Amino acid sequence: MAEIEYIKNVFRSGFELQDIEWSTWAEPGRAGVEHHVLWAPDAETGEDSVGLILRFPPTAHGDFHEHTGYELMLVLDGQLDHSDGTSFVKGDLVVEGPGTEHQMSSASGCTVLAIRTRPAEARAPKKPIREVVSVAS
């Protein structure tokens, strides 16, 4: 039988999602991002996709990367900042197609459901990107 994971009310404040296990995403180019793996790639079965809940404390950011497949991001709480200057808030759904490049961050903090159909590849930006700075309180 397939495994089922149930997380009640993911739209509550992401920083209050204490009933799931968070891990620091330690990878070059990333700072402060935590994740909870829903499923991960599996070479044995040929599974390339990944499903994650990501938590970005204020000023946390991912690496700059290019997508080899689709990425879906649903903002569950807070504000997610795209390196192109666009910001997304709770309830926004963002779908990036193959070949798109970005760095995601959050000046104020956010929680996001992220699904990738294929892995992403680290890249160096070809033009200046949005600086990650804290929102003044």
Protein backbone atom coordinates (compact mmCIF):
# COMPACT_ATOMS: atom_id res chain seq x y z
CA MET A 1 0.00 0.00 0.00
CA ALA A 2 1.24 3.50 -0.82
CA GLU A 3 2.31 5.79 2.00
CA ILE A 4 0.03 8.71 2.88
CA GLU A 5 1.20 11.87 4.66
CA TYR A 6 -1.42 14.20 6.09
CA ILE A 7 -0.62 17.70 7.32
CA LYS A 8 -3.61 19.48 8.77
CA ASN A 9 -4.22 23.09 7.75
CA VAL A 10 -0.99 24.05 5.97
CA PHE A 11 -2.37 27.58 5.50
CA ARG A 12 -1.82 28.43 9.17
CA SER A 13 1.37 30.39 9.81
CA GLY A 14 4.27 28.37 8.39
CA PHE A 15 6.39 29.18 11.41
CA GLU A 16 3.74 27.49 13.56
CA LEU A 17 3.91 24.20 11.62
CA GLN A 18 5.64 22.50 14.52
CA ASP A 19 4.04 19.09 13.97
CA ILE A 20 6.25 18.37 10.96
CA GLU A 21 9.99 17.78 10.90
CA TRP A 22 12.11 20.59 9.41
CA SER A 23 15.67 20.16 8.13
CA THR A 24 18.15 22.84 7.13
CA TRP A 25 18.72 22.83 3.37
CA ALA A 26 22.53 22.87 3.32
CA GLU A 27 23.66 23.34 -0.26
CA PRO A 28 25.98 25.88 -1.94
CA GLY A 29 24.21 29.17 -2.64
CA ARG A 30 21.45 28.61 -0.08
CA ALA A 31 21.14 30.47 3.21
CA GLY A 32 18.66 29.78 6.01
CA VAL A 33 16.08 27.76 4.07
CA GLU A 34 14.46 24.84 5.91
CA HIS A 35 12.53 22.06 4.22
CA HIS A 36 10.20 19.18 4.90
CA VAL A 37 10.38 16.44 2.27
CA LEU A 38 7.02 15.13 1.05
CA TRP A 39 8.72 12.90 -1.53
CA ALA A 40 12.14 12.87 -3.15
CA PRO A 41 13.74 11.64 -6.36
CA ASP A 42 14.46 7.91 -6.36
CA ALA A 43 16.96 6.49 -8.86
CA GLU A 44 15.73 2.93 -8.24
CA THR A 45 12.20 3.72 -9.39
CA GLY A 46 13.17 6.41 -11.91
CA GLU A 47 11.29 9.11 -9.97
CA ASP A 48 12.69 12.57 -10.90
CA SER A 49 10.13 14.77 -9.15
CA VAL A 50 10.32 16.21 -5.66
CA GLY A 51 7.69 17.65 -3.31
CA LEU A 52 8.77 19.93 -0.47
CA ILE A 53 7.40 22.38 2.04
CA LEU A 54 9.96 25.18 2.30
CA ARG A 55 10.32 27.64 5.14
CA PHE A 56 12.25 30.87 4.49
CA PRO A 57 13.00 32.89 7.64
CA PRO A 58 13.55 36.62 6.91
CA THR A 59 16.48 37.12 4.45
CA ALA A 60 16.76 33.38 3.67
CA HIS A 61 17.32 32.49 0.03
CA GLY A 62 17.78 29.58 -2.31
CA ASP A 63 20.50 29.23 -4.90
CA PHE A 64 20.27 30.70 -8.41
CA HIS A 65 19.25 27.83 -10.68
CA GLU A 66 17.71 26.76 -13.98
CA HIS A 67 14.77 24.38 -14.22
CA THR A 68 15.03 21.24 -16.34
CA GLY A 69 11.31 20.61 -15.78
CA TYR A 70 8.36 22.45 -14.26
CA GLU A 71 8.29 23.95 -10.76
CA LEU A 72 5.07 24.78 -8.94
CA MET A 73 5.20 27.03 -5.87
CA LEU A 74 2.15 27.75 -3.70
CA VAL A 75 2.74 30.43 -1.06
CA LEU A 76 1.20 29.13 2.17
CA ASP A 77 2.22 32.06 4.37
CA GLY A 78 4.22 35.30 4.11
CA GLN A 79 5.87 36.75 1.02
CA LEU A 80 8.11 34.94 -1.48
CA ASP A 81 10.45 37.16 -3.50
CA HIS A 82 11.60 36.26 -7.03
CA SER A 83 14.99 37.44 -8.27
CA ASP A 84 13.27 39.25 -11.19
CA GLY A 85 11.70 41.68 -8.68
CA THR A 86 8.25 40.08 -8.43
CA SER A 87 6.84 39.17 -5.00
CA PHE A 88 4.14 36.60 -4.24
CA VAL A 89 1.92 36.39 -1.14
CA LYS A 90 -0.21 33.81 0.67
CA GLY A 91 -2.45 32.03 -1.80
CA ASP A 92 -0.41 32.89 -4.91
CA LEU A 93 0.44 29.97 -7.20
CA VAL A 94 3.58 30.29 -9.35
CA VAL A 95 4.47 27.85 -12.14
CA GLU A 96 7.88 28.13 -13.79
CA GLY A 97 8.57 26.17 -16.98
CA PRO A 98 11.67 24.32 -18.19
CA GLY A 99 14.54 26.69 -18.95
CA THR A 100 13.47 29.38 -16.48
CA GLU A 101 16.12 30.68 -14.09
CA HIS A 102 15.69 32.34 -10.72
CA GLN A 103 16.68 32.70 -7.11
CA MET A 104 13.86 32.68 -4.59
CA SER A 105 14.14 34.49 -1.26
CA SER A 106 12.05 36.17 1.39
CA ALA A 107 12.84 39.52 2.96
CA SER A 108 10.08 39.04 5.57
CA GLY A 109 9.76 35.24 5.80
CA CYS A 110 7.43 32.75 4.11
CA THR A 111 6.36 29.12 3.80
CA VAL A 112 5.89 27.54 0.37
CA LEU A 113 4.73 24.24 -1.11
CA ALA A 114 7.22 23.47 -3.91
CA ILE A 115 6.92 20.71 -6.49
CA ARG A 116 9.52 20.10 -9.19
CA THR A 117 8.90 17.63 -12.01
CA ARG A 118 12.63 17.34 -12.72
CA PRO A 119 15.82 18.48 -10.97
CA ALA A 120 17.18 22.02 -11.17
CA GLU A 121 20.76 22.90 -12.13
CA ALA A 122 22.81 25.58 -10.30
CA ARG A 123 23.66 28.53 -12.54
CA ALA A 124 25.38 31.90 -12.30
CA PRO A 125 23.07 34.86 -13.04
CA LYS A 126 23.71 36.53 -16.41
CA LYS A 127 22.40 39.90 -15.17
CA PRO A 128 21.95 41.55 -11.75
CA ILE A 129 19.26 40.00 -9.57
CA ARG A 130 17.21 41.33 -6.66
CA GLU A 131 19.30 41.74 -3.53
CA VAL A 132 18.03 39.87 -0.47
CA VAL A 133 17.53 42.41 2.31
CA SER A 134 15.51 42.40 5.52
CA VAL A 135 12.26 44.31 5.69
CA ALA A 136 12.52 47.06 8.33
CA SER A 137 10.18 46.42 11.26
